Each structure stands twice: as structure tokens, then as C-alpha cells.
Amino acid sequence: MPNIRQNTILLKNREGQLGVGLGLVFPCAESIGLVGLLGGFDFINLDGEHGLFSPESIDAMVRTADGFGLTVTARVPNIEGPTINLFLDRGVMGILGPHIETAQQARQLVDACRFVPNGQRSWGGGQGTFYNDGRLLDQPGLKRTEWMAATNEQIIVSAQLETALAFENLDDILAVDGIDAFAWGSNDLAQSMGLPGQPDHPDVKTAERSVEARIHADGRKMLWDMHTAINLPSLILDGADLFAKANADNDAPNPQMLTSH
């Protein structure tokens, strides 16, 4: 078998389970190390669209995750090939492309993520392709195209549908091969429907339910059919809130009691 990263989300799905992940919006290799030591997590997700990730920090996140057997996925800033390469070449194994509105954009996303014949992914020289080193990539008798095909099978490509136009073009988008799952962007969707700041508006939720039903009817998946994740800021804020409330009524020790001995 080629030396490739195994996508732990797909491994869990084959067992009939959801992948369990930690979402990051800023670089924090220490948090990856902590959940890696804790166990029970399968992947790390980086929000590269709204987060603070440089190529160097992505490289560090993947390297740390590799050490604990955790897959790294990412929402990318855009679907341009060179942008996605910066994530895939670091070793990211799942790409969520934002703002997909047309079949052409869906095809562009797939082309950037998958090697030929399933796409047009550019061959890089980072840790995502084991630095293009034959000793790491190849075994006797193995063709480089076999490594590319095996890697294509491990990459999860997802499209984020965030506007009313995307919903209108759903049938054309679903006709594009190579997309494994779909997701929303409820805030942006609400804005495109003339309901800014109202992601929970009944019209927004009705539209989402309708499109999800059509996606499932086509035999396709939503991203949450494959995995679930909790964001690190939520963990910090929820924990801090609980701690603050639990200690809100605690009285400070009487100074005289502290010095009475």
C-alpha cells in the first residue's frame, strides 16, 4: 500500500460512527496535544476563512496532529487552486469550500482538491506529499499515479452553500462529481434572503430543511452526517463561565483568620 495519511473521519464513518473533532479559529498546537493525549478525538478543523492561520501555522498544526493520529480538515478562504494548495500541501485531508453558488464553482473546488483523473490538483513538495521524496512516497513496483489515486480516496471535499442563489442552483451543483458533503452558512444565507442578522428566521430554516432533504434524496451527505465538532473558543468560554458562576458568591478569607496562627 502507498504511504498515505488515513482519514480518521472516513475510518469512523466505515464503523457507522461520526468523526469527533476540535475546531480552531486561531493556531494552538497545545490544544491539539491536549486532546490527543485525552483521546476520543479523531480530527482537528481549522477555520481558514475567518481564522488567523498562516501557512507556517497550518504546517505546525498538521505536524502536531500527525503525532497523535488526528486528521486535519479546513475551511479555506476561497476556492482558488493556489489557496487550496497551501492547505493540502501541508497535509490537510479535508477541504470545505465556502460560497459555492454554481456548478462551475463546485467543479473548480473539486479540481483544486483531487489529483487526475478526478481533478486537477497541483503536485506540491510539502508534507502533504511527503516532501515529494520517493523513499517516503514509493514502494517497489508502486506507480506515482497509484499514490495519487489512493490520496484522492482519503480527501473529503465539501461545498458550503451560503446564498439563495446556491439553493436555486442546487440541481446543477449536485450534478458535479467529486463532492462528498455539503454544509450551510446560515448567517450569510439569511442575509442573501433579505433577512440580515436572522439566521434562525423560519424562512431560513425552511429553506435549509428543504435543500437538505433534496441532498439526501440524491444520495448525498451533509457534513454533519460525517462528523461533529466543538470549537475551542466555546470550550474556553463555557468552562470559564461555569467557573466564574460557581465562584461568584465565594467570600474572601477573613484577613484576621489568615494571620491568627
Protein backbone atom coordinates (compact mmCIF):
# COMPACT_ATOMS: atom_id res chain seq x y z
CA MET A 1 0.00 0.00 0.00
CA PRO A 2 1.19 3.57 -0.66
CA ASN A 3 2.40 5.58 2.30
CA ILE A 4 -0.57 7.96 2.71
CA ARG A 5 -2.42 9.60 5.55
CA GLN A 6 -5.53 7.69 6.55
CA ASN A 7 -8.52 9.99 7.02
CA THR A 8 -9.78 9.17 10.53
CA ILE A 9 -13.22 10.65 9.77
CA LEU A 10 -13.71 8.14 6.97
CA LEU A 11 -12.45 5.34 9.20
CA LYS A 12 -15.07 6.23 11.82
CA ASN A 13 -17.79 6.50 9.16
CA ARG A 14 -16.99 2.98 7.95
CA GLU A 15 -17.65 1.82 11.51
CA GLY A 16 -21.02 3.57 11.44
CA GLN A 17 -19.86 6.40 13.69
CA LEU A 18 -19.35 10.14 13.36
CA GLY A 19 -15.87 11.58 13.50
CA VAL A 20 -15.33 13.70 16.62
CA GLY A 21 -13.33 16.89 16.24
CA LEU A 22 -11.98 20.07 17.76
CA GLY A 23 -12.43 23.30 15.80
CA LEU A 24 -9.80 26.04 15.88
CA VAL A 25 -10.09 29.66 14.75
CA PHE A 26 -6.53 30.51 15.82
CA PRO A 27 -3.30 28.49 15.92
CA CYS A 28 -2.95 26.42 19.09
CA ALA A 29 -0.76 23.35 18.79
CA GLU A 30 -1.03 22.92 22.57
CA SER A 31 -4.78 22.28 22.34
CA ILE A 32 -4.16 19.62 19.69
CA GLY A 33 -1.65 17.99 22.02
CA LEU A 34 -4.12 18.07 24.91
CA VAL A 35 -6.99 16.42 23.03
CA GLY A 36 -4.51 13.99 21.51
CA LEU A 37 -3.41 12.94 24.99
CA LEU A 38 -7.01 12.88 26.24
CA GLY A 39 -8.20 10.62 23.44
CA GLY A 40 -11.66 10.34 21.97
CA PHE A 41 -10.99 12.87 19.20
CA ASP A 42 -10.50 11.98 15.54
CA PHE A 43 -9.76 15.25 13.79
CA ILE A 44 -8.89 18.93 14.04
CA ASN A 45 -10.68 21.52 11.92
CA LEU A 46 -9.11 24.85 11.03
CA ASP A 47 -11.31 27.79 10.04
CA GLY A 48 -9.05 29.21 7.38
CA GLU A 49 -11.71 31.58 6.07
CA HIS A 50 -12.21 33.61 9.24
CA GLY A 51 -9.32 32.36 11.38
CA LEU A 52 -5.73 33.51 11.88
CA PHE A 53 -3.80 30.80 10.07
CA SER A 54 -0.61 31.34 8.11
CA PRO A 55 0.98 28.56 6.03
CA GLU A 56 3.58 28.17 8.78
CA SER A 57 0.92 27.72 11.48
CA ILE A 58 -1.05 25.26 9.33
CA ASP A 59 2.14 23.25 8.90
CA ALA A 60 2.64 23.20 12.67
CA MET A 61 -0.97 22.19 13.34
CA VAL A 62 -0.77 19.26 10.91
CA ARG A 63 2.60 18.13 12.24
CA THR A 64 1.26 18.09 15.79
CA ALA A 65 -1.94 16.32 14.74
CA ASP A 66 0.06 13.71 12.81
CA GLY A 67 1.86 12.83 16.01
CA PHE A 68 -1.43 11.89 17.66
CA GLY A 69 -3.03 10.19 14.66
CA LEU A 70 -5.51 13.04 14.12
CA THR A 71 -6.71 14.11 10.69
CA VAL A 72 -6.77 17.84 9.90
CA THR A 73 -9.55 19.45 7.87
CA ALA A 74 -10.04 23.10 6.98
CA ARG A 75 -12.47 25.64 5.64
CA VAL A 76 -10.40 27.55 3.12
CA PRO A 77 -10.58 31.31 2.43
CA ASN A 78 -11.55 30.77 -1.21
CA ILE A 79 -11.58 28.04 -3.85
CA GLU A 80 -8.63 29.23 -5.91
CA GLY A 81 -6.18 26.41 -6.62
CA PRO A 82 -3.09 28.14 -5.16
CA THR A 83 -5.00 28.90 -1.94
CA ILE A 84 -6.18 25.32 -1.50
CA ASN A 85 -2.68 24.05 -2.30
CA LEU A 86 -1.37 25.91 0.75
CA PHE A 87 -3.61 23.67 2.88
CA LEU A 88 -3.29 20.38 1.01
CA ASP A 89 0.48 20.69 0.70
CA ARG A 90 0.65 20.99 4.49
CA GLY A 91 -1.17 17.67 4.89
CA VAL A 92 -4.78 18.81 5.36
CA MET A 93 -7.10 15.93 4.39
CA GLY A 94 -10.47 17.65 4.16
CA ILE A 95 -11.43 20.89 2.42
CA LEU A 96 -14.65 22.90 2.89
CA GLY A 97 -15.01 25.37 0.05
CA PRO A 98 -17.02 28.47 1.02
CA HIS A 99 -19.54 30.43 -1.04
CA ILE A 100 -20.28 27.77 -3.65
CA GLU A 101 -23.13 29.13 -5.78
CA THR A 102 -22.78 27.46 -9.18
CA ALA A 103 -21.82 24.16 -10.79
CA GLN A 104 -18.76 25.89 -12.25
CA GLN A 105 -17.56 26.85 -8.78
CA ALA A 106 -18.26 23.33 -7.50
CA ARG A 107 -16.16 21.91 -10.33
CA GLN A 108 -13.39 24.40 -9.56
CA LEU A 109 -13.38 23.23 -5.93
CA VAL A 110 -13.11 19.56 -6.91
CA ASP A 111 -10.39 20.27 -9.46
CA ALA A 112 -8.29 22.03 -6.82
CA CYS A 113 -8.64 19.20 -4.29
CA ARG A 114 -8.25 15.99 -6.30
CA PHE A 115 -5.47 14.67 -8.47
CA VAL A 116 -6.15 13.49 -12.03
CA PRO A 117 -8.27 11.84 -13.28
CA ASN A 118 -10.75 13.13 -10.66
CA GLY A 119 -9.46 16.70 -10.63
CA GLN A 120 -6.52 18.92 -11.48
CA ARG A 121 -4.75 19.22 -8.11
CA SER A 122 -1.24 20.55 -8.48
CA TRP A 123 1.55 18.34 -7.18
CA GLY A 124 3.34 20.02 -4.28
CA GLY A 125 6.50 19.45 -2.31
CA GLY A 126 5.30 19.89 1.27
CA GLN A 127 4.47 17.37 3.95
CA GLY A 128 1.11 16.77 2.25
CA THR A 129 3.03 14.85 -0.43
CA PHE A 130 5.80 13.74 1.96
CA TYR A 131 8.11 16.39 0.51
CA ASN A 132 7.99 14.64 -2.88
CA ASP A 133 10.55 12.14 -1.61
CA GLY A 134 10.46 8.79 -3.37
CA ARG A 135 11.65 6.99 -0.24
CA LEU A 136 8.55 8.19 1.60
CA LEU A 137 6.08 8.04 -1.26
CA ASP A 138 7.03 4.97 -3.20
CA GLN A 139 7.45 1.28 -2.65
CA PRO A 140 8.93 -1.18 -5.18
CA GLY A 141 6.56 -1.57 -8.10
CA LEU A 142 4.30 1.29 -7.00
CA LYS A 143 3.44 3.90 -9.59
CA ARG A 144 3.13 7.54 -8.54
CA THR A 145 -0.36 7.53 -10.06
CA GLU A 146 -1.35 4.83 -7.56
CA TRP A 147 -0.35 7.14 -4.71
CA MET A 148 -2.43 9.91 -6.27
CA ALA A 149 -5.47 7.64 -6.61
CA ALA A 150 -5.17 6.45 -3.00
CA THR A 151 -4.88 10.04 -1.78
CA ASN A 152 -7.97 11.04 -3.77
CA GLU A 153 -9.91 8.41 -1.81
CA GLN A 154 -8.82 9.89 1.53
CA ILE A 155 -9.60 13.56 0.81
CA ILE A 156 -13.02 14.85 1.90
CA VAL A 157 -14.27 17.63 -0.37
CA SER A 158 -17.24 19.63 0.92
CA ALA A 159 -19.16 22.58 -0.50
CA GLN A 160 -20.65 25.32 1.65
CA LEU A 161 -23.92 26.65 0.25
CA GLU A 162 -24.43 30.11 1.71
CA THR A 163 -26.81 32.03 -0.52
CA ALA A 164 -30.26 31.81 -2.04
CA LEU A 165 -28.57 31.61 -5.45
CA ALA A 166 -26.74 28.45 -4.36
CA PHE A 167 -30.05 26.91 -3.34
CA GLU A 168 -31.58 27.85 -6.69
CA ASN A 169 -28.67 26.16 -8.49
CA LEU A 170 -28.69 23.05 -6.30
CA ASP A 171 -29.57 20.57 -9.04
CA ASP A 172 -26.66 21.75 -11.20
CA ILE A 173 -24.28 21.66 -8.20
CA LEU A 174 -25.39 18.13 -7.29
CA ALA A 175 -24.55 17.03 -10.84
CA VAL A 176 -20.86 17.73 -10.20
CA ASP A 177 -18.90 14.60 -9.29
CA GLY A 178 -16.35 14.63 -6.50
CA ILE A 179 -18.15 16.50 -3.71
CA ASP A 180 -18.53 14.32 -0.63
CA ALA A 181 -20.72 16.55 1.55
CA PHE A 182 -22.50 19.89 1.82
CA ALA A 183 -22.95 22.47 4.57
CA TRP A 184 -24.72 25.78 5.19
CA GLY A 185 -23.68 29.26 6.12
CA SER A 186 -26.88 30.30 7.89
CA ASN A 187 -25.87 33.90 8.60
CA ASP A 188 -24.82 34.58 5.01
CA LEU A 189 -27.86 32.70 3.71
CA ALA A 190 -30.20 34.84 5.81
CA GLN A 191 -28.51 37.98 4.51
CA SER A 192 -28.93 36.83 0.90
CA MET A 193 -32.64 36.24 1.60
CA GLY A 194 -33.11 39.81 2.83
CA LEU A 195 -33.03 38.74 6.48
CA PRO A 196 -29.68 40.05 7.75
CA GLY A 197 -28.81 39.01 11.27
CA GLN A 198 -31.65 36.47 11.40
CA PRO A 199 -30.10 33.01 10.81
CA ASP A 200 -32.89 31.38 12.84
CA HIS A 201 -35.72 33.02 10.91
CA PRO A 202 -38.41 30.45 9.95
CA ASP A 203 -37.91 31.18 6.24
CA VAL A 204 -34.19 30.44 6.53
CA LYS A 205 -34.75 27.20 8.41
CA THR A 206 -37.48 26.12 5.98
CA ALA A 207 -35.13 26.68 3.04
CA GLU A 208 -32.35 24.73 4.75
CA ARG A 209 -34.61 21.79 5.58
CA SER A 210 -35.91 21.68 2.02
CA VAL A 211 -32.43 21.68 0.49
CA GLU A 212 -31.12 19.12 2.98
CA ALA A 213 -33.99 16.81 2.02
CA ARG A 214 -33.11 17.22 -1.67
CA ILE A 215 -29.44 16.48 -0.96
CA HIS A 216 -30.32 13.33 0.97
CA ALA A 217 -32.81 12.29 -1.70
CA ASP A 218 -29.95 12.47 -4.21
CA GLY A 219 -27.99 10.03 -2.05
CA ARG A 220 -25.54 12.72 -0.89
CA LYS A 221 -24.43 13.75 2.58
CA MET A 222 -24.44 16.80 4.76
CA LEU A 223 -21.18 17.47 6.56
CA TRP A 224 -22.83 16.67 9.89
CA ASP A 225 -23.70 13.22 8.54
CA MET A 226 -19.95 12.57 8.66
CA HIS A 227 -18.67 14.30 11.76
CA THR A 228 -19.34 16.57 14.72
CA ALA A 229 -17.02 19.10 16.33
CA ILE A 230 -16.79 21.58 19.17
CA ASN A 231 -14.90 24.84 18.80
CA LEU A 232 -12.08 25.68 21.17
CA PRO A 233 -13.43 29.19 21.93
CA SER A 234 -16.73 27.61 23.01
CA LEU A 235 -14.90 25.21 25.31
CA ILE A 236 -12.93 28.04 26.87
CA LEU A 237 -15.90 30.37 27.24
CA ASP A 238 -18.26 27.69 28.55
CA GLY A 239 -15.70 26.48 31.06
CA ALA A 240 -14.80 29.99 32.17
CA ASP A 241 -18.48 30.91 32.53
CA LEU A 242 -19.19 27.86 34.69
CA PHE A 243 -16.15 28.55 36.85
CA ALA A 244 -16.99 32.24 37.28
CA LYS A 245 -20.61 31.49 38.22
CA ALA A 246 -19.60 28.73 40.63
CA ASN A 247 -17.29 31.11 42.43
CA ALA A 248 -19.32 34.33 42.18
CA ASP A 249 -20.56 34.15 45.78
CA ASN A 250 -17.40 32.87 47.38
CA ASP A 251 -16.27 35.19 50.14
CA ALA A 252 -12.61 36.01 50.51
CA PRO A 253 -10.99 34.64 53.68
CA ASN A 254 -11.05 36.95 56.69
CA PRO A 255 -7.59 38.53 56.91
CA GLN A 256 -7.60 38.04 60.69
CA MET A 257 -8.23 34.31 60.18
CA LEU A 258 -5.24 34.11 57.85
CA THR A 259 -2.92 35.68 60.45
CA SER A 260 -4.39 34.20 63.64
CA HIS A 261 -1.97 31.27 63.63
